[in-house]
Structure formats: structure tokens, C-alpha cells
N, C-alpha and C. Protein backbone atom coordinates (compact mmCIF):
# COMPACT_ATOMS: atom_id res chain seq x y z
N UNK A 1 -2.91 1.70 -25.06
CA UNK A 1 -1.95 0.67 -25.44
C UNK A 1 -2.07 -0.52 -24.50
N UNK A 2 -1.90 -1.70 -25.02
CA UNK A 2 -1.98 -2.92 -24.23
C UNK A 2 -0.57 -3.34 -23.80
N UNK A 3 -0.42 -3.64 -22.51
CA UNK A 3 0.87 -4.10 -21.99
C UNK A 3 0.72 -5.54 -21.53
N UNK A 4 1.77 -6.32 -21.70
CA UNK A 4 1.73 -7.71 -21.28
C UNK A 4 2.04 -7.85 -19.79
N UNK A 5 1.81 -9.05 -19.27
CA UNK A 5 2.03 -9.30 -17.84
C UNK A 5 3.47 -9.04 -17.42
N UNK A 6 4.41 -9.39 -18.27
CA UNK A 6 5.83 -9.21 -17.92
C UNK A 6 6.14 -7.73 -17.73
N UNK A 7 5.66 -6.88 -18.62
CA UNK A 7 5.92 -5.44 -18.51
C UNK A 7 5.26 -4.88 -17.26
N UNK A 8 4.01 -5.29 -16.99
CA UNK A 8 3.32 -4.79 -15.81
C UNK A 8 3.98 -5.30 -14.53
N UNK A 9 4.49 -6.51 -14.53
CA UNK A 9 5.21 -7.03 -13.37
C UNK A 9 6.48 -6.21 -13.13
N UNK A 10 7.15 -5.85 -14.18
CA UNK A 10 8.34 -5.00 -14.06
C UNK A 10 7.97 -3.60 -13.55
N UNK A 11 6.82 -3.10 -13.99
CA UNK A 11 6.31 -1.81 -13.50
C UNK A 11 6.08 -1.88 -12.00
N UNK A 12 5.38 -2.91 -11.55
CA UNK A 12 5.07 -3.08 -10.13
C UNK A 12 6.34 -3.19 -9.29
N UNK A 13 7.32 -3.92 -9.79
CA UNK A 13 8.56 -4.12 -9.02
C UNK A 13 9.49 -2.92 -9.08
N UNK A 14 9.17 -1.94 -9.91
CA UNK A 14 10.01 -0.75 -10.01
C UNK A 14 11.24 -0.94 -10.87
N UNK A 15 11.23 -1.93 -11.74
CA UNK A 15 12.40 -2.25 -12.55
C UNK A 15 12.37 -1.70 -13.97
N UNK A 16 11.35 -0.93 -14.31
CA UNK A 16 11.31 -0.33 -15.66
C UNK A 16 12.05 1.00 -15.67
N UNK A 17 12.64 1.36 -16.81
CA UNK A 17 13.25 2.69 -16.91
C UNK A 17 12.16 3.76 -16.75
N UNK A 18 12.55 4.92 -16.23
CA UNK A 18 11.59 5.99 -15.96
C UNK A 18 10.79 6.37 -17.21
N UNK A 19 11.41 6.43 -18.35
CA UNK A 19 10.69 6.83 -19.56
C UNK A 19 9.53 5.88 -19.86
N UNK A 20 9.75 4.58 -19.69
CA UNK A 20 8.69 3.61 -19.94
C UNK A 20 7.63 3.66 -18.83
N UNK A 21 8.08 3.82 -17.60
CA UNK A 21 7.15 3.95 -16.48
C UNK A 21 6.24 5.15 -16.69
N UNK A 22 6.80 6.27 -17.07
CA UNK A 22 6.03 7.49 -17.30
C UNK A 22 5.01 7.29 -18.42
N UNK A 23 5.42 6.64 -19.48
CA UNK A 23 4.50 6.38 -20.59
C UNK A 23 3.31 5.52 -20.14
N UNK A 24 3.58 4.50 -19.34
CA UNK A 24 2.51 3.62 -18.87
C UNK A 24 1.59 4.39 -17.93
N UNK A 25 2.17 5.16 -17.03
CA UNK A 25 1.36 5.90 -16.06
C UNK A 25 0.49 6.96 -16.71
N UNK A 26 1.01 7.63 -17.71
CA UNK A 26 0.27 8.74 -18.32
C UNK A 26 -0.56 8.33 -19.53
N UNK A 27 -0.35 7.13 -20.02
CA UNK A 27 -1.08 6.68 -21.20
C UNK A 27 -2.46 6.14 -20.89
N UNK A 28 -3.19 5.87 -21.94
CA UNK A 28 -4.51 5.28 -21.80
C UNK A 28 -4.38 3.89 -21.19
N UNK A 29 -5.31 3.57 -20.30
CA UNK A 29 -5.25 2.28 -19.60
C UNK A 29 -6.06 1.21 -20.34
N UNK A 30 -5.55 -0.02 -20.28
CA UNK A 30 -6.28 -1.16 -20.81
C UNK A 30 -7.56 -1.34 -20.01
N UNK A 31 -8.61 -1.83 -20.63
CA UNK A 31 -9.85 -2.09 -19.91
C UNK A 31 -9.66 -3.14 -18.81
N UNK A 32 -8.72 -4.05 -19.01
CA UNK A 32 -8.52 -5.11 -18.02
C UNK A 32 -7.28 -4.89 -17.15
N UNK A 33 -6.75 -3.65 -17.14
CA UNK A 33 -5.51 -3.36 -16.39
C UNK A 33 -5.64 -3.70 -14.90
N UNK A 34 -6.74 -3.33 -14.27
CA UNK A 34 -6.90 -3.61 -12.84
C UNK A 34 -6.78 -5.12 -12.59
N UNK A 35 -7.48 -5.92 -13.37
CA UNK A 35 -7.44 -7.37 -13.18
C UNK A 35 -6.06 -7.94 -13.48
N UNK A 36 -5.38 -7.38 -14.47
CA UNK A 36 -4.03 -7.84 -14.78
C UNK A 36 -3.10 -7.58 -13.59
N UNK A 37 -3.19 -6.38 -13.01
CA UNK A 37 -2.35 -6.02 -11.87
C UNK A 37 -2.67 -6.92 -10.68
N UNK A 38 -3.95 -7.11 -10.37
CA UNK A 38 -4.34 -7.96 -9.24
C UNK A 38 -3.85 -9.39 -9.46
N UNK A 39 -3.95 -9.90 -10.68
CA UNK A 39 -3.47 -11.27 -10.96
C UNK A 39 -1.97 -11.38 -10.72
N UNK A 40 -1.23 -10.38 -11.14
CA UNK A 40 0.23 -10.38 -10.92
C UNK A 40 0.53 -10.35 -9.42
N UNK A 41 -0.17 -9.48 -8.70
CA UNK A 41 0.05 -9.38 -7.26
C UNK A 41 -0.35 -10.68 -6.55
N UNK A 42 -1.47 -11.26 -6.97
CA UNK A 42 -1.95 -12.51 -6.34
C UNK A 42 -0.91 -13.61 -6.46
N UNK A 43 -0.24 -13.68 -7.61
CA UNK A 43 0.79 -14.71 -7.81
C UNK A 43 2.04 -14.45 -6.97
N UNK A 44 2.22 -13.22 -6.51
CA UNK A 44 3.44 -12.88 -5.78
C UNK A 44 3.30 -13.04 -4.26
N UNK A 45 2.09 -13.26 -3.76
CA UNK A 45 1.90 -13.36 -2.32
C UNK A 45 1.85 -14.81 -1.86
N UNK A 46 2.04 -15.00 -0.56
CA UNK A 46 2.08 -16.35 -0.01
C UNK A 46 0.72 -16.83 0.48
N UNK A 47 -0.26 -15.96 0.56
CA UNK A 47 -1.56 -16.35 1.08
C UNK A 47 -2.52 -16.67 -0.06
N UNK A 48 -3.59 -17.40 0.26
CA UNK A 48 -4.53 -17.83 -0.78
C UNK A 48 -5.77 -16.95 -0.90
N UNK A 49 -6.03 -16.11 0.09
CA UNK A 49 -7.21 -15.25 0.02
C UNK A 49 -7.15 -14.34 -1.20
N UNK A 50 -8.32 -14.08 -1.78
CA UNK A 50 -8.39 -13.28 -2.99
C UNK A 50 -8.15 -11.80 -2.70
N UNK A 51 -7.24 -11.19 -3.44
CA UNK A 51 -6.99 -9.76 -3.32
C UNK A 51 -8.15 -9.02 -3.99
N UNK A 52 -8.78 -8.14 -3.22
CA UNK A 52 -9.85 -7.31 -3.77
C UNK A 52 -9.33 -5.97 -4.26
N UNK A 53 -8.34 -5.44 -3.52
CA UNK A 53 -7.81 -4.12 -3.86
C UNK A 53 -6.44 -3.94 -3.24
N UNK A 54 -5.44 -3.58 -4.03
CA UNK A 54 -4.15 -3.23 -3.44
C UNK A 54 -4.28 -1.87 -2.74
N UNK A 55 -3.71 -1.76 -1.55
CA UNK A 55 -3.72 -0.48 -0.82
C UNK A 55 -2.44 0.30 -1.01
N UNK A 56 -1.35 -0.40 -1.23
CA UNK A 56 -0.04 0.22 -1.40
C UNK A 56 0.99 -0.88 -1.45
N UNK A 57 2.25 -0.51 -1.49
CA UNK A 57 3.28 -1.55 -1.49
C UNK A 57 3.12 -2.47 -0.28
N UNK A 58 3.00 -3.74 -0.53
CA UNK A 58 2.90 -4.80 0.48
C UNK A 58 1.51 -4.96 1.11
N UNK A 59 0.57 -4.06 0.89
CA UNK A 59 -0.72 -4.11 1.58
C UNK A 59 -1.89 -4.29 0.63
N UNK A 60 -2.85 -5.14 1.05
CA UNK A 60 -3.99 -5.46 0.21
C UNK A 60 -5.24 -5.60 1.08
N UNK A 61 -6.39 -5.32 0.48
CA UNK A 61 -7.65 -5.73 1.08
C UNK A 61 -7.97 -7.06 0.44
N UNK A 62 -8.23 -8.07 1.27
CA UNK A 62 -8.51 -9.42 0.77
C UNK A 62 -9.85 -9.91 1.31
N UNK A 63 -10.42 -10.88 0.59
CA UNK A 63 -11.64 -11.54 1.03
C UNK A 63 -11.24 -12.75 1.84
N UNK A 64 -11.54 -12.74 3.14
CA UNK A 64 -11.22 -13.86 4.02
C UNK A 64 -12.52 -14.39 4.58
N UNK A 65 -13.04 -15.44 3.98
CA UNK A 65 -14.36 -15.95 4.36
C UNK A 65 -15.40 -14.89 4.05
N UNK A 66 -16.12 -14.49 5.07
CA UNK A 66 -17.13 -13.43 4.88
C UNK A 66 -16.58 -12.05 5.25
N UNK A 67 -15.32 -12.01 5.66
CA UNK A 67 -14.70 -10.74 6.07
C UNK A 67 -13.81 -10.17 4.98
N UNK A 68 -13.60 -8.88 5.06
CA UNK A 68 -12.63 -8.19 4.20
C UNK A 68 -11.59 -7.57 5.11
N UNK A 69 -10.36 -8.06 4.99
CA UNK A 69 -9.31 -7.64 5.90
C UNK A 69 -8.11 -7.09 5.14
N UNK A 70 -7.30 -6.31 5.85
CA UNK A 70 -6.04 -5.81 5.30
C UNK A 70 -4.97 -6.83 5.63
N UNK A 71 -4.17 -7.13 4.62
CA UNK A 71 -3.14 -8.14 4.77
C UNK A 71 -1.85 -7.67 4.11
N UNK A 72 -0.73 -8.00 4.72
CA UNK A 72 0.59 -7.74 4.12
C UNK A 72 0.92 -8.91 3.21
N UNK A 73 1.81 -8.68 2.26
CA UNK A 73 2.13 -9.77 1.35
C UNK A 73 2.84 -10.94 2.03
N UNK A 74 3.29 -10.78 3.28
CA UNK A 74 3.86 -11.90 4.02
C UNK A 74 2.77 -12.75 4.68
N UNK A 75 1.52 -12.25 4.69
CA UNK A 75 0.42 -12.97 5.30
C UNK A 75 -0.07 -12.36 6.61
N UNK A 76 0.67 -11.41 7.16
CA UNK A 76 0.27 -10.75 8.40
C UNK A 76 -1.06 -10.03 8.20
N UNK A 77 -1.99 -10.23 9.12
CA UNK A 77 -3.30 -9.59 9.04
C UNK A 77 -3.39 -8.39 9.97
N UNK A 78 -4.09 -7.35 9.50
CA UNK A 78 -4.26 -6.12 10.25
C UNK A 78 -5.72 -5.86 10.61
N UNK A 79 -6.61 -6.80 10.32
CA UNK A 79 -8.00 -6.65 10.69
C UNK A 79 -8.86 -6.05 9.60
N UNK A 80 -10.09 -5.74 9.98
CA UNK A 80 -11.10 -5.20 9.07
C UNK A 80 -10.57 -3.98 8.31
N UNK A 81 -10.84 -3.92 7.02
CA UNK A 81 -10.31 -2.85 6.17
C UNK A 81 -10.88 -1.49 6.51
N UNK A 82 -11.99 -1.46 7.27
CA UNK A 82 -12.60 -0.18 7.63
C UNK A 82 -11.97 0.41 8.89
N UNK A 83 -11.04 -0.32 9.48
CA UNK A 83 -10.29 0.15 10.64
C UNK A 83 -8.88 0.52 10.18
N UNK A 84 -8.25 1.42 10.90
CA UNK A 84 -6.91 1.88 10.51
C UNK A 84 -5.87 0.79 10.78
N UNK A 85 -5.36 0.19 9.71
CA UNK A 85 -4.39 -0.90 9.82
C UNK A 85 -3.13 -0.47 10.58
N UNK A 86 -2.82 0.82 10.57
CA UNK A 86 -1.60 1.31 11.23
C UNK A 86 -1.61 1.03 12.73
N UNK A 87 -2.81 0.94 13.30
CA UNK A 87 -2.92 0.72 14.74
C UNK A 87 -2.44 -0.68 15.15
N UNK A 88 -2.27 -1.57 14.18
CA UNK A 88 -1.78 -2.92 14.46
C UNK A 88 -0.39 -3.15 13.88
N UNK A 89 0.26 -2.08 13.50
CA UNK A 89 1.61 -2.20 12.94
C UNK A 89 2.65 -1.88 14.01
N UNK A 90 3.90 -2.13 13.68
CA UNK A 90 5.02 -1.71 14.52
C UNK A 90 5.35 -0.30 14.09
N UNK A 91 5.60 0.58 15.05
CA UNK A 91 5.85 1.99 14.74
C UNK A 91 7.20 2.40 15.31
N UNK A 92 7.98 3.05 14.49
CA UNK A 92 9.22 3.67 14.94
C UNK A 92 9.06 5.16 14.73
N UNK A 93 9.22 5.93 15.80
CA UNK A 93 9.05 7.38 15.72
C UNK A 93 10.42 8.03 15.76
N UNK A 94 10.70 8.79 14.73
CA UNK A 94 11.94 9.57 14.68
C UNK A 94 11.60 10.98 15.17
N UNK A 95 11.97 11.25 16.42
CA UNK A 95 11.64 12.53 17.02
C UNK A 95 12.85 13.16 17.72
N UNK A 96 14.02 12.68 17.34
CA UNK A 96 15.26 13.24 17.89
C UNK A 96 16.23 13.51 16.75
N UNK A 97 17.13 14.42 16.99
CA UNK A 97 18.14 14.74 15.97
C UNK A 97 18.93 13.50 15.54
N UNK A 98 19.43 12.67 16.47
CA UNK A 98 20.20 11.49 16.05
C UNK A 98 19.38 10.53 15.17
N UNK A 99 18.11 10.32 15.52
CA UNK A 99 17.31 9.38 14.72
C UNK A 99 17.02 9.95 13.34
N UNK A 100 16.81 11.24 13.24
CA UNK A 100 16.57 11.85 11.93
C UNK A 100 17.83 11.94 11.09
N UNK A 101 18.97 12.08 11.74
CA UNK A 101 20.23 12.17 11.00
C UNK A 101 20.62 10.83 10.37
N UNK A 102 19.95 9.74 10.76
CA UNK A 102 20.14 8.48 10.06
C UNK A 102 19.60 8.55 8.64
N UNK A 103 18.67 9.49 8.41
CA UNK A 103 18.04 9.65 7.09
C UNK A 103 18.43 10.95 6.40
N UNK A 104 18.58 12.00 7.16
CA UNK A 104 18.77 13.34 6.59
C UNK A 104 20.07 13.98 7.06
N UNK A 105 20.64 14.77 6.18
CA UNK A 105 21.76 15.63 6.55
C UNK A 105 21.21 16.64 7.56
N UNK A 106 22.01 17.06 8.54
CA UNK A 106 21.49 17.99 9.57
C UNK A 106 20.78 19.23 9.01
N UNK A 107 21.23 19.71 7.87
CA UNK A 107 20.59 20.91 7.32
C UNK A 107 19.30 20.59 6.55
N UNK A 108 18.98 19.31 6.38
CA UNK A 108 17.80 18.92 5.60
C UNK A 108 16.71 18.28 6.44
N UNK A 109 16.95 18.03 7.69
CA UNK A 109 15.97 17.36 8.54
C UNK A 109 14.87 18.31 8.98
N UNK A 110 14.02 17.80 9.84
CA UNK A 110 12.92 18.61 10.36
C UNK A 110 13.26 19.11 11.75
N UNK A 111 12.53 20.09 12.20
CA UNK A 111 12.70 20.64 13.54
C UNK A 111 11.94 19.73 14.50
N UNK A 112 12.68 19.02 15.34
CA UNK A 112 12.05 18.03 16.22
C UNK A 112 11.24 18.67 17.34
N UNK A 113 11.26 19.97 17.46
CA UNK A 113 10.41 20.60 18.48
C UNK A 113 8.98 20.76 17.99
N UNK A 114 8.76 20.53 16.69
CA UNK A 114 7.38 20.65 16.18
C UNK A 114 6.96 19.55 15.22
N UNK A 115 7.86 18.63 14.91
CA UNK A 115 7.50 17.60 13.93
C UNK A 115 8.21 16.28 14.24
N UNK A 116 7.53 15.18 13.87
CA UNK A 116 8.14 13.87 14.00
C UNK A 116 7.86 13.06 12.74
N UNK A 117 8.69 12.06 12.53
CA UNK A 117 8.53 11.15 11.40
C UNK A 117 8.17 9.79 11.97
N UNK A 118 7.02 9.25 11.53
CA UNK A 118 6.57 7.93 12.01
C UNK A 118 6.72 6.92 10.89
N UNK A 119 7.36 5.81 11.20
CA UNK A 119 7.54 4.73 10.24
C UNK A 119 6.70 3.55 10.70
N UNK A 120 5.84 3.05 9.82
CA UNK A 120 4.95 1.93 10.15
C UNK A 120 5.47 0.67 9.47
N UNK A 121 5.73 -0.35 10.27
CA UNK A 121 6.31 -1.60 9.79
C UNK A 121 5.34 -2.76 10.02
N UNK A 122 5.42 -3.75 9.15
CA UNK A 122 4.65 -4.98 9.33
C UNK A 122 5.26 -5.75 10.50
N UNK A 123 4.44 -6.18 11.47
CA UNK A 123 4.99 -6.97 12.57
C UNK A 123 5.39 -8.39 12.16
N UNK A 124 4.97 -8.82 10.98
CA UNK A 124 5.31 -10.16 10.52
C UNK A 124 6.63 -10.23 9.78
N UNK A 125 6.85 -9.29 8.86
CA UNK A 125 8.06 -9.34 8.02
C UNK A 125 8.93 -8.09 8.14
N UNK A 126 8.46 -7.10 8.88
CA UNK A 126 9.16 -5.84 9.10
C UNK A 126 9.37 -5.02 7.85
N UNK A 127 8.53 -5.23 6.85
CA UNK A 127 8.57 -4.36 5.66
C UNK A 127 8.06 -2.98 6.07
N UNK A 128 8.69 -1.95 5.55
CA UNK A 128 8.22 -0.59 5.77
C UNK A 128 6.96 -0.41 4.93
N UNK A 129 5.85 -0.10 5.59
CA UNK A 129 4.56 0.00 4.90
C UNK A 129 4.18 1.44 4.59
N UNK A 130 4.55 2.35 5.45
CA UNK A 130 4.21 3.76 5.22
C UNK A 130 4.98 4.64 6.18
N UNK A 131 5.09 5.91 5.82
CA UNK A 131 5.74 6.91 6.66
C UNK A 131 4.86 8.14 6.73
N UNK A 132 4.79 8.73 7.92
CA UNK A 132 4.05 9.98 8.12
C UNK A 132 4.98 11.03 8.70
N UNK A 133 4.92 12.22 8.17
CA UNK A 133 5.61 13.38 8.75
C UNK A 133 4.52 14.27 9.31
N UNK A 134 4.44 14.36 10.64
CA UNK A 134 3.31 15.04 11.29
C UNK A 134 3.78 15.91 12.44
N UNK A 135 2.94 16.88 12.84
CA UNK A 135 3.25 17.66 14.04
C UNK A 135 3.24 16.75 15.27
N UNK A 136 3.98 17.12 16.30
CA UNK A 136 4.01 16.34 17.53
C UNK A 136 2.59 16.18 18.08
N UNK A 137 2.25 14.97 18.50
CA UNK A 137 0.96 14.70 19.09
C UNK A 137 -0.19 14.53 18.11
N UNK A 138 0.09 14.64 16.82
CA UNK A 138 -0.96 14.51 15.82
C UNK A 138 -1.45 13.06 15.79
N UNK A 139 -2.77 12.85 15.67
CA UNK A 139 -3.26 11.46 15.63
C UNK A 139 -2.74 10.71 14.41
N UNK A 140 -2.73 9.39 14.53
CA UNK A 140 -2.31 8.54 13.41
C UNK A 140 -3.31 8.75 12.27
N UNK A 141 -2.78 8.98 11.08
CA UNK A 141 -3.60 9.30 9.91
C UNK A 141 -4.20 8.01 9.34
N UNK A 142 -5.50 8.05 9.06
CA UNK A 142 -6.18 6.94 8.37
C UNK A 142 -6.30 7.40 6.93
N UNK A 143 -5.40 6.91 6.08
CA UNK A 143 -5.23 7.44 4.73
C UNK A 143 -6.38 7.18 3.79
N UNK A 144 -6.94 6.00 3.85
CA UNK A 144 -7.79 5.60 2.74
C UNK A 144 -8.76 4.52 3.17
N UNK A 145 -10.05 4.80 3.05
CA UNK A 145 -11.07 3.78 3.28
C UNK A 145 -11.92 3.69 2.02
N UNK A 146 -11.59 2.75 1.15
CA UNK A 146 -12.29 2.67 -0.14
C UNK A 146 -13.73 2.20 0.00
N UNK A 147 -14.54 2.64 -0.91
CA UNK A 147 -15.91 2.14 -1.04
C UNK A 147 -15.83 1.00 -2.05
N UNK A 148 -15.60 -0.19 -1.57
CA UNK A 148 -15.39 -1.35 -2.44
C UNK A 148 -16.58 -1.63 -3.33
N UNK A 149 -17.78 -1.53 -2.77
CA UNK A 149 -18.99 -1.81 -3.56
C UNK A 149 -19.09 -0.87 -4.76
N UNK A 150 -18.91 0.43 -4.52
CA UNK A 150 -18.99 1.40 -5.61
C UNK A 150 -17.88 1.17 -6.63
N UNK A 151 -16.68 0.90 -6.14
CA UNK A 151 -15.56 0.67 -7.06
C UNK A 151 -15.86 -0.51 -8.00
N UNK A 152 -16.29 -1.61 -7.43
CA UNK A 152 -16.56 -2.78 -8.26
C UNK A 152 -17.78 -2.59 -9.16
N UNK A 153 -18.86 -2.11 -8.58
CA UNK A 153 -20.11 -2.03 -9.35
C UNK A 153 -20.13 -0.89 -10.37
N UNK A 154 -19.61 0.27 -10.00
CA UNK A 154 -19.71 1.42 -10.90
C UNK A 154 -18.47 1.67 -11.74
N UNK A 155 -17.32 1.21 -11.28
CA UNK A 155 -16.09 1.42 -12.05
C UNK A 155 -15.71 0.18 -12.86
N UNK A 156 -15.78 -0.97 -12.19
CA UNK A 156 -15.42 -2.22 -12.89
C UNK A 156 -16.62 -2.88 -13.55
N UNK A 157 -17.83 -2.44 -13.19
CA UNK A 157 -19.09 -2.98 -13.74
C UNK A 157 -19.20 -4.49 -13.51
N UNK A 158 -18.92 -4.88 -12.26
CA UNK A 158 -19.05 -6.27 -11.86
C UNK A 158 -19.36 -6.31 -10.37
N UNK A 159 -19.94 -7.40 -9.90
CA UNK A 159 -20.24 -7.48 -8.46
C UNK A 159 -18.96 -7.63 -7.63
N UNK A 160 -19.02 -7.09 -6.46
CA UNK A 160 -17.91 -7.26 -5.52
C UNK A 160 -17.85 -8.73 -5.10
N UNK A 161 -16.70 -9.37 -5.26
CA UNK A 161 -16.60 -10.78 -4.86
C UNK A 161 -16.91 -10.96 -3.38
N UNK A 162 -17.50 -12.07 -3.06
CA UNK A 162 -17.76 -12.41 -1.66
C UNK A 162 -17.24 -13.82 -1.41
N UNK A 163 -17.43 -14.28 -0.20
CA UNK A 163 -16.84 -15.57 0.21
C UNK A 163 -17.15 -16.71 -0.70
């Protein structure tokens, strides 16, 4: 089924009813869906660099000159997309009962003797970018390093844009 830009923009913003969201997510995708989504996202950001791939809410891989960098929708840059962007974010670690009780009822939280909750924020706009629930001392997780060339050439059947 083909969806218009308005419906997809509502999907991205989380404003569609669950039944419609579920239908879009589980239904057949338009051949141009990726480009439609990127166009909608491009219009919503303040920077001019071309979005190559959305990474998650607020985060994108963009073409900046000859470089490909991770950028927040506020314009904050996190460096080369092949490096873990989290290392340049603001981190709040919830590793005490009081800090976890801001989010969870005491009977629903985690045991702080073996687990912590890490919140990664953009240093530019303080948007929450991601959360990790990990054992104490666990290294920062590098979630996703896409193969941009393969994605563009073999999935989209077009060359990866360059500067």
C-alpha cells in the first residue's frame, strides 16, 4: 500500500493510532518508502547536510563534505559514523535506589548491586538518545555500524551519495 507524506510524518512523530501504525509496520512497503522517510526527516532538521541513514530518534548519519558523521537533529555532531557516538554524548548513570525510583516503583526496579541504567543525552539539546541496562562495569555498547555501501548499492540499487 502507498502512504502519503502526511501519514508517514505522523508515523515518525508517533501520532498515529496503534492500529494504523501496526498496519503500516507489518504491511508491504512502498518501493520509495526509504526516500520518503529521509525526505520527511531532512525537512525536520536544522542542518543542511544530506541524511544518508537515520540511526534512531534524533540521530542520523549525514554526508558532511567528504566525511560521514553522526549528527543529532539539533545539529550536534558526534564524529565519524564508524566510531561509537555514545562516547561523545552526555551520560547519566542510574546506579542507586533513589535515582532508579525516579523511574520505577521500588518493586519494579533493578538490583543496583549488579546492574545500572545508562542514559545517553545529546550535549547540544539534551534529547535522550538511548538507554542501556547493563551489568556494572560493562563497556558502552556500540549498537550499530551499518555497511552504507552495501545498503545503498544492493538494497536501494543506487550509488551511495558522496560530497
